[in-house]
Amino acid sequence: MKISVITASYNSETTIGFTVESFLGQNHVDKELLVVDGASTDATLKIVESFGSDAIRVISEQDKGVYDAMNKGFRLFRGDVVGFLNSDDTFHDSNALGEIAAAMEGADIVYGDLDMVTDHRTKRRVRSWRGGIFRRYSFQLGWVPPHPTFYMRREVVQKVGDYDLSYVTTADYDYMLRALALNNFRVRYIPRTIADFQMGGISTKGWRVRARGNLECLRSRRVHLHAPLIDAAFFLRFLRRVLQIRGSGSHG
C-alpha cells in the first residue's frame, strides 16, 4: 500500500528539514512525499532537494494559499492513500505511517492523536489532542479529528472533492466534516500519537484568527448539517481546547 504525504510549504526553511527527516525515517517503505511549494524565496527548496531522495517530489509555483496547494496535491499524488503533514510538523515516531497502513486494512479513513509541541528539538509538549472515536453526531458536539493525522483512500478524495477555498482558515475542518458526516466510509481511529504539531506564540491576532475560524466552522455546519444560527458546537469547541491544555504534560 503506497502512502502519499503532501506537504504544502512557503518560506519554511526553519522547519521543513525536520518534516522531511521524519518522513524519510518512516519504517513503511512504500511511500512518497509530495512537497507543494508556493514559490518560496528562502532556502526551503534547497533544503528539500539536499536530501536527494527518490521518494520526494517537489513542485514550486505561486498559489492562493495553503488550501490551494493542498488541492494541487490532490491532483498529483500517486499513492493508494493520502494525507497531509504541514511544513512545520513532523511524524511522532518512525512507526507512524506503518500504523496508518495497518489501520487502513478494512478502512477508508483513519486518523489518530496529535501532540502540540514548542519545537522539534526539545519536543516539549504543550497540548495533547486526542482524536477519539467518530460517531454520527460528533461534529454537532464540537468534535473534529486532528487534520495532520487524517489519511484516506484515493476513492475518498475522488468522492469528497477539493478543499473549499471560501473557508480562509478552516477548509480542513469543512473537508473532514464532508468526508465523515456526509458519507458512509469505513472510519477507524488509531489511539496513538501520529504527528507533532509545532505551536506558534499566542497573540491577540491569534485569538482573532481562532474566533474567525470558529465562525467558519459554524458556517460549515449550517451549510452541511443544517445547524441553527448558533449551535452547541460553537461553544463546545472552546471547551475541548481547554481540556486539551489540561490534559497536556511533558514529552514522553
C-alpha atoms as a PDB file:
ATOM      1  CA  MET A   1       0.000   0.000   0.000  1.00  0.00           C
ATOM      2  CA  LYS A   2       1.595   3.216  -1.158  1.00  0.00           C
ATOM      3  CA  ILE A   3       1.026   6.215   1.112  1.00  0.00           C
ATOM      4  CA  SER A   4       1.384   9.736  -0.237  1.00  0.00           C
ATOM      5  CA  VAL A   5       2.199  12.519   2.213  1.00  0.00           C
ATOM      6  CA  ILE A   6       1.513  16.033   0.898  1.00  0.00           C
ATOM      7  CA  THR A   7       3.375  18.946   2.458  1.00  0.00           C
ATOM      8  CA  ALA A   8       2.357  22.474   1.495  1.00  0.00           C
ATOM      9  CA  SER A   9       5.212  24.892   2.084  1.00  0.00           C
ATOM     10  CA  TYR A  10       6.124  28.550   1.748  1.00  0.00           C
ATOM     11  CA  ASN A  11       9.327  30.052   3.178  1.00  0.00           C
ATOM     12  CA  SER A  12       9.622  27.173   5.623  1.00  0.00           C
ATOM     13  CA  GLU A  13      13.424  26.974   5.853  1.00  0.00           C
ATOM     14  CA  THR A  14      13.484  26.886   9.660  1.00  0.00           C
ATOM     15  CA  THR A  15      11.250  23.819   9.995  1.00  0.00           C
ATOM     16  CA  ILE A  16      10.901  21.819   6.783  1.00  0.00           C
ATOM     17  CA  GLY A  17      14.125  19.896   7.387  1.00  0.00           C
ATOM     18  CA  PHE A  18      12.527  18.311  10.452  1.00  0.00           C
ATOM     19  CA  THR A  19       9.435  17.470   8.400  1.00  0.00           C
ATOM     20  CA  VAL A  20      11.402  15.737   5.635  1.00  0.00           C
ATOM     21  CA  GLU A  21      13.631  13.873   8.095  1.00  0.00           C
ATOM     22  CA  SER A  22      10.586  12.488   9.907  1.00  0.00           C
ATOM     23  CA  PHE A  23       9.140  11.294   6.591  1.00  0.00           C
ATOM     24  CA  LEU A  24      12.350   9.630   5.405  1.00  0.00           C
ATOM     25  CA  GLY A  25      12.712   7.989   8.817  1.00  0.00           C
ATOM     26  CA  GLN A  26       9.415   6.116   8.468  1.00  0.00           C
ATOM     27  CA  ASN A  27       9.708   2.326   8.528  1.00  0.00           C
ATOM     28  CA  HIS A  28       6.903   1.985   5.991  1.00  0.00           C
ATOM     29  CA  VAL A  29       8.760   1.561   2.690  1.00  0.00           C
ATOM     30  CA  ASP A  30       6.090   2.220   0.045  1.00  0.00           C
ATOM     31  CA  LYS A  31       5.704   5.984   0.427  1.00  0.00           C
ATOM     32  CA  GLU A  32       6.152   9.320  -1.300  1.00  0.00           C
ATOM     33  CA  LEU A  33       6.463  12.891  -0.087  1.00  0.00           C
ATOM     34  CA  LEU A  34       4.946  15.495  -2.391  1.00  0.00           C
ATOM     35  CA  VAL A  35       6.108  18.985  -1.460  1.00  0.00           C
ATOM     36  CA  VAL A  36       3.801  21.604  -2.972  1.00  0.00           C
ATOM     37  CA  ASP A  37       5.661  24.867  -2.569  1.00  0.00           C
ATOM     38  CA  GLY A  38       4.232  28.340  -3.094  1.00  0.00           C
ATOM     39  CA  ALA A  39       7.320  29.792  -4.828  1.00  0.00           C
ATOM     40  CA  SER A  40       9.396  30.211  -1.675  1.00  0.00           C
ATOM     41  CA  THR A  41      12.048  32.920  -1.699  1.00  0.00           C
ATOM     42  CA  ASP A  42      14.169  31.457   1.110  1.00  0.00           C
ATOM     43  CA  ALA A  43      16.150  28.202   1.313  1.00  0.00           C
ATOM     44  CA  THR A  44      13.106  25.904   1.569  1.00  0.00           C
ATOM     45  CA  LEU A  45      13.624  24.218  -1.805  1.00  0.00           C
ATOM     46  CA  LYS A  46      17.387  23.839  -1.357  1.00  0.00           C
ATOM     47  CA  ILE A  47      16.821  22.108   1.971  1.00  0.00           C
ATOM     48  CA  VAL A  48      14.300  19.663   0.495  1.00  0.00           C
ATOM     49  CA  GLU A  49      16.497  18.941  -2.508  1.00  0.00           C
ATOM     50  CA  SER A  50      19.533  18.403  -0.273  1.00  0.00           C
ATOM     51  CA  PHE A  51      18.066  15.125   0.955  1.00  0.00           C
ATOM     52  CA  GLY A  52      18.436  13.697  -2.565  1.00  0.00           C
ATOM     53  CA  SER A  53      15.679  11.123  -2.111  1.00  0.00           C
ATOM     54  CA  ASP A  54      13.753   9.458  -4.945  1.00  0.00           C
ATOM     55  CA  ALA A  55      10.781   9.292  -2.557  1.00  0.00           C
ATOM     56  CA  ILE A  56      10.403  13.088  -2.682  1.00  0.00           C
ATOM     57  CA  ARG A  57       8.774  15.094  -5.457  1.00  0.00           C
ATOM     58  CA  VAL A  58       8.626  18.885  -5.494  1.00  0.00           C
ATOM     59  CA  ILE A  59       6.594  21.421  -7.404  1.00  0.00           C
ATOM     60  CA  SER A  60       7.023  25.130  -6.791  1.00  0.00           C
ATOM     61  CA  GLU A  61       4.775  27.850  -8.164  1.00  0.00           C
ATOM     62  CA  GLN A  62       2.651  30.676  -6.837  1.00  0.00           C
ATOM     63  CA  ASP A  63      -0.633  29.645  -5.270  1.00  0.00           C
ATOM     64  CA  LYS A  64      -3.614  31.103  -3.441  1.00  0.00           C
ATOM     65  CA  GLY A  65      -2.618  29.781  -0.026  1.00  0.00           C
ATOM     66  CA  VAL A  66      -2.204  26.511   1.815  1.00  0.00           C
ATOM     67  CA  TYR A  67      -5.571  25.006   0.827  1.00  0.00           C
ATOM     68  CA  ASP A  68      -4.978  25.797  -2.836  1.00  0.00           C
ATOM     69  CA  ALA A  69      -1.632  23.990  -2.503  1.00  0.00           C
ATOM     70  CA  MET A  70      -3.396  21.022  -0.928  1.00  0.00           C
ATOM     71  CA  ASN A  71      -5.844  20.873  -3.819  1.00  0.00           C
ATOM     72  CA  LYS A  72      -2.886  20.782  -6.210  1.00  0.00           C
ATOM     73  CA  GLY A  73      -1.552  17.867  -4.201  1.00  0.00           C
ATOM     74  CA  PHE A  74      -4.836  16.016  -4.684  1.00  0.00           C
ATOM     75  CA  ARG A  75      -4.295  16.150  -8.437  1.00  0.00           C
ATOM     76  CA  LEU A  76      -0.681  14.981  -8.289  1.00  0.00           C
ATOM     77  CA  PHE A  77      -0.323  12.295  -5.612  1.00  0.00           C
ATOM     78  CA  ARG A  78       0.391   8.745  -6.765  1.00  0.00           C
ATOM     79  CA  GLY A  79      -0.421   6.650  -3.702  1.00  0.00           C
ATOM     80  CA  ASP A  80      -3.348   4.463  -2.694  1.00  0.00           C
ATOM     81  CA  VAL A  81      -3.711   6.529   0.474  1.00  0.00           C
ATOM     82  CA  VAL A  82      -3.062  10.225   1.062  1.00  0.00           C
ATOM     83  CA  GLY A  83      -2.698  12.597   3.979  1.00  0.00           C
ATOM     84  CA  PHE A  84      -1.105  15.942   4.828  1.00  0.00           C
ATOM     85  CA  LEU A  85       1.834  16.926   7.003  1.00  0.00           C
ATOM     86  CA  ASN A  86       2.437  20.649   7.489  1.00  0.00           C
ATOM     87  CA  SER A  87       5.872  22.045   6.692  1.00  0.00           C
ATOM     88  CA  ASP A  88       6.400  22.836  10.375  1.00  0.00           C
ATOM     89  CA  ASP A  89       5.145  19.475  11.700  1.00  0.00           C
ATOM     90  CA  THR A  90       6.694  16.016  11.967  1.00  0.00           C
ATOM     91  CA  PHE A  91       5.642  12.426  12.401  1.00  0.00           C
ATOM     92  CA  HIS A  92       5.727  11.466  16.058  1.00  0.00           C
ATOM     93  CA  ASP A  93       7.959   8.441  15.530  1.00  0.00           C
ATOM     94  CA  SER A  94       9.242   6.088  12.826  1.00  0.00           C
ATOM     95  CA  ASN A  95       6.237   3.760  13.012  1.00  0.00           C
ATOM     96  CA  ALA A  96       3.504   6.327  12.261  1.00  0.00           C
ATOM     97  CA  LEU A  97       2.991   5.502   8.561  1.00  0.00           C
ATOM     98  CA  GLY A  98       3.194   1.792   9.302  1.00  0.00           C
ATOM     99  CA  GLU A  99       0.396   2.150  11.857  1.00  0.00           C
ATOM    100  CA  ILE A 100      -1.653   4.082   9.302  1.00  0.00           C
ATOM    101  CA  ALA A 101      -1.113   1.383   6.668  1.00  0.00           C
ATOM    102  CA  ALA A 102      -2.154  -1.351   9.094  1.00  0.00           C
ATOM    103  CA  ALA A 103      -5.270   0.563  10.151  1.00  0.00           C
ATOM    104  CA  MET A 104      -6.199   1.132   6.508  1.00  0.00           C
ATOM    105  CA  GLU A 105      -6.765  -2.597   6.049  1.00  0.00           C
ATOM    106  CA  GLY A 106     -10.551  -2.657   6.191  1.00  0.00           C
ATOM    107  CA  ALA A 107     -10.955   1.137   6.431  1.00  0.00           C
ATOM    108  CA  ASP A 108     -11.364   4.091   4.077  1.00  0.00           C
ATOM    109  CA  ILE A 109     -10.382   6.855   6.514  1.00  0.00           C
ATOM    110  CA  VAL A 110      -8.100   6.674   9.525  1.00  0.00           C
ATOM    111  CA  TYR A 111      -6.894   9.294  11.983  1.00  0.00           C
ATOM    112  CA  GLY A 112      -5.093   9.374  15.307  1.00  0.00           C
ATOM    113  CA  ASP A 113      -3.811  11.695  18.019  1.00  0.00           C
ATOM    114  CA  LEU A 114      -1.689  14.829  17.828  1.00  0.00           C
ATOM    115  CA  ASP A 115       0.841  16.359  20.224  1.00  0.00           C
ATOM    116  CA  MET A 116       1.370  20.113  20.122  1.00  0.00           C
ATOM    117  CA  VAL A 117       4.976  20.956  20.943  1.00  0.00           C
ATOM    118  CA  THR A 118       7.049  24.096  21.415  1.00  0.00           C
ATOM    119  CA  ASP A 119       9.700  22.958  18.904  1.00  0.00           C
ATOM    120  CA  HIS A 120      11.044  19.823  17.238  1.00  0.00           C
ATOM    121  CA  ARG A 121      14.358  19.765  19.079  1.00  0.00           C
ATOM    122  CA  THR A 122      13.066  19.509  22.637  1.00  0.00           C
ATOM    123  CA  LYS A 123       9.612  18.134  21.733  1.00  0.00           C
ATOM    124  CA  ARG A 124       8.225  19.772  24.871  1.00  0.00           C
ATOM    125  CA  ARG A 125       4.502  19.078  24.772  1.00  0.00           C
ATOM    126  CA  VAL A 126       2.096  21.943  25.355  1.00  0.00           C
ATOM    127  CA  ARG A 127      -1.212  20.330  24.450  1.00  0.00           C
ATOM    128  CA  SER A 128      -2.498  16.882  23.579  1.00  0.00           C
ATOM    129  CA  TRP A 129      -5.250  16.441  21.010  1.00  0.00           C
ATOM    130  CA  ARG A 130      -6.810  13.007  21.325  1.00  0.00           C
ATOM    131  CA  GLY A 131      -8.896  12.147  18.283  1.00  0.00           C
ATOM    132  CA  GLY A 132     -11.419   9.798  19.862  1.00  0.00           C
ATOM    133  CA  ILE A 133     -13.978   7.685  18.055  1.00  0.00           C
ATOM    134  CA  PHE A 134     -16.135   9.315  15.390  1.00  0.00           C
ATOM    135  CA  ARG A 135     -19.869   8.987  15.949  1.00  0.00           C
ATOM    136  CA  ARG A 136     -22.860  10.175  13.981  1.00  0.00           C
ATOM    137  CA  TYR A 137     -23.318  13.461  15.854  1.00  0.00           C
ATOM    138  CA  SER A 138     -19.677  14.144  16.734  1.00  0.00           C
ATOM    139  CA  PHE A 139     -19.396  17.375  14.760  1.00  0.00           C
ATOM    140  CA  GLN A 140     -22.567  18.722  16.389  1.00  0.00           C
ATOM    141  CA  LEU A 141     -20.839  18.190  19.750  1.00  0.00           C
ATOM    142  CA  GLY A 142     -17.751  20.231  18.904  1.00  0.00           C
ATOM    143  CA  TRP A 143     -15.555  17.311  17.832  1.00  0.00           C
ATOM    144  CA  VAL A 144     -13.095  17.246  14.947  1.00  0.00           C
ATOM    145  CA  PRO A 145     -10.114  14.943  14.319  1.00  0.00           C
ATOM    146  CA  PRO A 146      -6.580  16.377  14.065  1.00  0.00           C
ATOM    147  CA  HIS A 147      -6.038  17.153  10.390  1.00  0.00           C
ATOM    148  CA  PRO A 148      -2.296  16.201  10.306  1.00  0.00           C
ATOM    149  CA  THR A 149      -3.296  12.656  11.320  1.00  0.00           C
ATOM    150  CA  PHE A 150      -6.137  12.284   8.786  1.00  0.00           C
ATOM    151  CA  TYR A 151      -5.454   9.769   5.971  1.00  0.00           C
ATOM    152  CA  MET A 152      -7.851   8.496   3.335  1.00  0.00           C
ATOM    153  CA  ARG A 153      -8.023   6.223   0.347  1.00  0.00           C
ATOM    154  CA  ARG A 154      -7.921   7.658  -3.150  1.00  0.00           C
ATOM    155  CA  GLU A 155     -11.608   6.807  -3.575  1.00  0.00           C
ATOM    156  CA  VAL A 156     -12.491   9.137  -0.704  1.00  0.00           C
ATOM    157  CA  VAL A 157     -10.690  12.045  -2.371  1.00  0.00           C
ATOM    158  CA  GLN A 158     -12.463  11.334  -5.639  1.00  0.00           C
ATOM    159  CA  LYS A 159     -15.876  11.434  -3.957  1.00  0.00           C
ATOM    160  CA  VAL A 160     -15.403  14.292  -1.477  1.00  0.00           C
ATOM    161  CA  GLY A 161     -13.617  16.621  -3.890  1.00  0.00           C
ATOM    162  CA  ASP A 162     -11.398  19.627  -3.146  1.00  0.00           C
ATOM    163  CA  TYR A 163     -10.914  21.869  -0.159  1.00  0.00           C
ATOM    164  CA  ASP A 164     -13.392  24.748  -0.306  1.00  0.00           C
ATOM    165  CA  LEU A 165     -11.272  27.897  -0.658  1.00  0.00           C
ATOM    166  CA  SER A 166     -14.085  30.113   0.636  1.00  0.00           C
ATOM    167  CA  TYR A 167     -13.006  28.949   4.120  1.00  0.00           C
ATOM    168  CA  VAL A 168      -9.925  31.043   4.860  1.00  0.00           C
ATOM    169  CA  THR A 169      -8.625  29.235   7.964  1.00  0.00           C
ATOM    170  CA  THR A 170     -10.799  26.138   8.380  1.00  0.00           C
ATOM    171  CA  ALA A 171     -11.157  24.484   4.983  1.00  0.00           C
ATOM    172  CA  ASP A 172      -9.641  21.376   6.590  1.00  0.00           C
ATOM    173  CA  TYR A 173     -12.495  21.291   9.134  1.00  0.00           C
ATOM    174  CA  ASP A 174     -15.061  21.639   6.355  1.00  0.00           C
ATOM    175  CA  TYR A 175     -13.358  18.908   4.331  1.00  0.00           C
ATOM    176  CA  MET A 176     -13.262  16.395   7.179  1.00  0.00           C
ATOM    177  CA  LEU A 177     -16.884  17.192   8.075  1.00  0.00           C
ATOM    178  CA  ARG A 178     -17.929  16.462   4.489  1.00  0.00           C
ATOM    179  CA  ALA A 179     -15.863  13.287   4.349  1.00  0.00           C
ATOM    180  CA  LEU A 180     -17.087  11.874   7.650  1.00  0.00           C
ATOM    181  CA  ALA A 181     -20.565  13.259   8.312  1.00  0.00           C
ATOM    182  CA  LEU A 182     -21.958  13.211   4.760  1.00  0.00           C
ATOM    183  CA  ASN A 183     -20.741   9.754   3.731  1.00  0.00           C
ATOM    184  CA  ASN A 184     -20.692   6.172   4.936  1.00  0.00           C
ATOM    185  CA  PHE A 185     -16.984   5.498   4.649  1.00  0.00           C
ATOM    186  CA  ARG A 186     -15.365   2.940   6.917  1.00  0.00           C
ATOM    187  CA  VAL A 187     -13.652   5.025   9.607  1.00  0.00           C
ATOM    188  CA  ARG A 188     -11.025   3.877  12.101  1.00  0.00           C
ATOM    189  CA  TYR A 189      -9.446   5.744  14.995  1.00  0.00           C
ATOM    190  CA  ILE A 190      -5.827   4.926  15.847  1.00  0.00           C
ATOM    191  CA  PRO A 191      -5.395   5.532  19.614  1.00  0.00           C
ATOM    192  CA  ARG A 192      -1.783   6.717  19.426  1.00  0.00           C
ATOM    193  CA  THR A 193       0.084   9.893  18.563  1.00  0.00           C
ATOM    194  CA  ILE A 194       0.686  10.169  14.822  1.00  0.00           C
ATOM    195  CA  ALA A 195       2.176  13.655  14.439  1.00  0.00           C
ATOM    196  CA  ASP A 196       3.784  16.503  16.382  1.00  0.00           C
ATOM    197  CA  PHE A 197       2.444  19.976  15.625  1.00  0.00           C
ATOM    198  CA  GLN A 198       4.743  22.941  16.322  1.00  0.00           C
ATOM    199  CA  MET A 199       2.835  25.723  18.024  1.00  0.00           C
ATOM    200  CA  GLY A 200       3.424  29.430  17.497  1.00  0.00           C
ATOM    201  CA  GLY A 201       3.078  32.147  20.112  1.00  0.00           C
ATOM    202  CA  ILE A 202      -0.386  33.025  21.393  1.00  0.00           C
ATOM    203  CA  SER A 203      -1.128  36.640  20.466  1.00  0.00           C
ATOM    204  CA  THR A 204      -4.098  38.952  20.057  1.00  0.00           C
ATOM    205  CA  LYS A 205      -4.010  38.245  16.365  1.00  0.00           C
ATOM    206  CA  GLY A 206      -4.010  34.525  17.139  1.00  0.00           C
ATOM    207  CA  TRP A 207      -7.188  34.805  19.153  1.00  0.00           C
ATOM    208  CA  ARG A 208      -8.848  36.809  16.382  1.00  0.00           C
ATOM    209  CA  VAL A 209      -7.921  34.062  13.922  1.00  0.00           C
ATOM    210  CA  ARG A 210      -9.408  31.443  16.240  1.00  0.00           C
ATOM    211  CA  ALA A 211     -12.632  33.433  16.583  1.00  0.00           C
ATOM    212  CA  ARG A 212     -12.900  33.746  12.813  1.00  0.00           C
ATOM    213  CA  GLY A 213     -12.194  30.048  12.471  1.00  0.00           C
ATOM    214  CA  ASN A 214     -14.954  29.168  14.899  1.00  0.00           C
ATOM    215  CA  LEU A 215     -17.411  31.229  12.855  1.00  0.00           C
ATOM    216  CA  GLU A 216     -16.256  29.486   9.688  1.00  0.00           C
ATOM    217  CA  CYS A 217     -16.772  26.081  11.310  1.00  0.00           C
ATOM    218  CA  LEU A 218     -20.270  27.163  12.264  1.00  0.00           C
ATOM    219  CA  ARG A 219     -20.910  28.152   8.647  1.00  0.00           C
ATOM    220  CA  SER A 220     -19.811  24.690   7.504  1.00  0.00           C
ATOM    221  CA  ARG A 221     -22.195  23.025   9.960  1.00  0.00           C
ATOM    222  CA  ARG A 222     -25.021  25.309   8.872  1.00  0.00           C
ATOM    223  CA  VAL A 223     -24.413  24.515   5.205  1.00  0.00           C
ATOM    224  CA  HIS A 224     -23.925  20.766   5.518  1.00  0.00           C
ATOM    225  CA  LEU A 225     -25.603  19.741   8.797  1.00  0.00           C
ATOM    226  CA  HIS A 226     -28.417  22.341   8.862  1.00  0.00           C
ATOM    227  CA  ALA A 227     -27.235  23.727  12.187  1.00  0.00           C
ATOM    228  CA  PRO A 228     -29.124  26.702  13.679  1.00  0.00           C
ATOM    229  CA  LEU A 229     -27.800  30.269  13.770  1.00  0.00           C
ATOM    230  CA  ILE A 230     -25.715  29.329  16.856  1.00  0.00           C
ATOM    231  CA  ASP A 231     -25.335  25.702  17.879  1.00  0.00           C
ATOM    232  CA  ALA A 232     -23.877  23.797  20.831  1.00  0.00           C
ATOM    233  CA  ALA A 233     -20.669  23.030  18.953  1.00  0.00           C
ATOM    234  CA  PHE A 234     -19.907  26.747  18.725  1.00  0.00           C
ATOM    235  CA  PHE A 235     -19.288  26.723  22.494  1.00  0.00           C
ATOM    236  CA  LEU A 236     -18.146  23.119  22.935  1.00  0.00           C
ATOM    237  CA  ARG A 237     -15.175  23.626  20.602  1.00  0.00           C
ATOM    238  CA  PHE A 238     -13.728  26.150  23.075  1.00  0.00           C
ATOM    239  CA  LEU A 239     -14.292  23.723  25.960  1.00  0.00           C
ATOM    240  CA  ARG A 240     -12.484  20.947  24.107  1.00  0.00           C
ATOM    241  CA  ARG A 241      -9.470  23.242  23.658  1.00  0.00           C
ATOM    242  CA  VAL A 242      -9.358  23.882  27.399  1.00  0.00           C
ATOM    243  CA  LEU A 243      -9.457  20.143  28.085  1.00  0.00           C
ATOM    244  CA  GLN A 244      -6.578  19.603  25.646  1.00  0.00           C
ATOM    245  CA  ILE A 245      -4.440  22.040  27.646  1.00  0.00           C
ATOM    246  CA  ARG A 246      -5.388  20.409  30.945  1.00  0.00           C
ATOM    247  CA  GLY A 247      -4.544  17.003  29.507  1.00  0.00           C
ATOM    248  CA  SER A 248      -1.059  18.050  28.402  1.00  0.00           C
ATOM    249  CA  GLY A 249       2.208  17.331  30.095  1.00  0.00           C
ATOM    250  CA  SER A 250       5.890  16.792  29.477  1.00  0.00           C
ATOM    251  CA  HIS A 251       7.064  14.841  26.439  1.00  0.00           C
ATOM    252  CA  GLY A 252       7.192  11.152  26.981  1.00  0.00           C
END
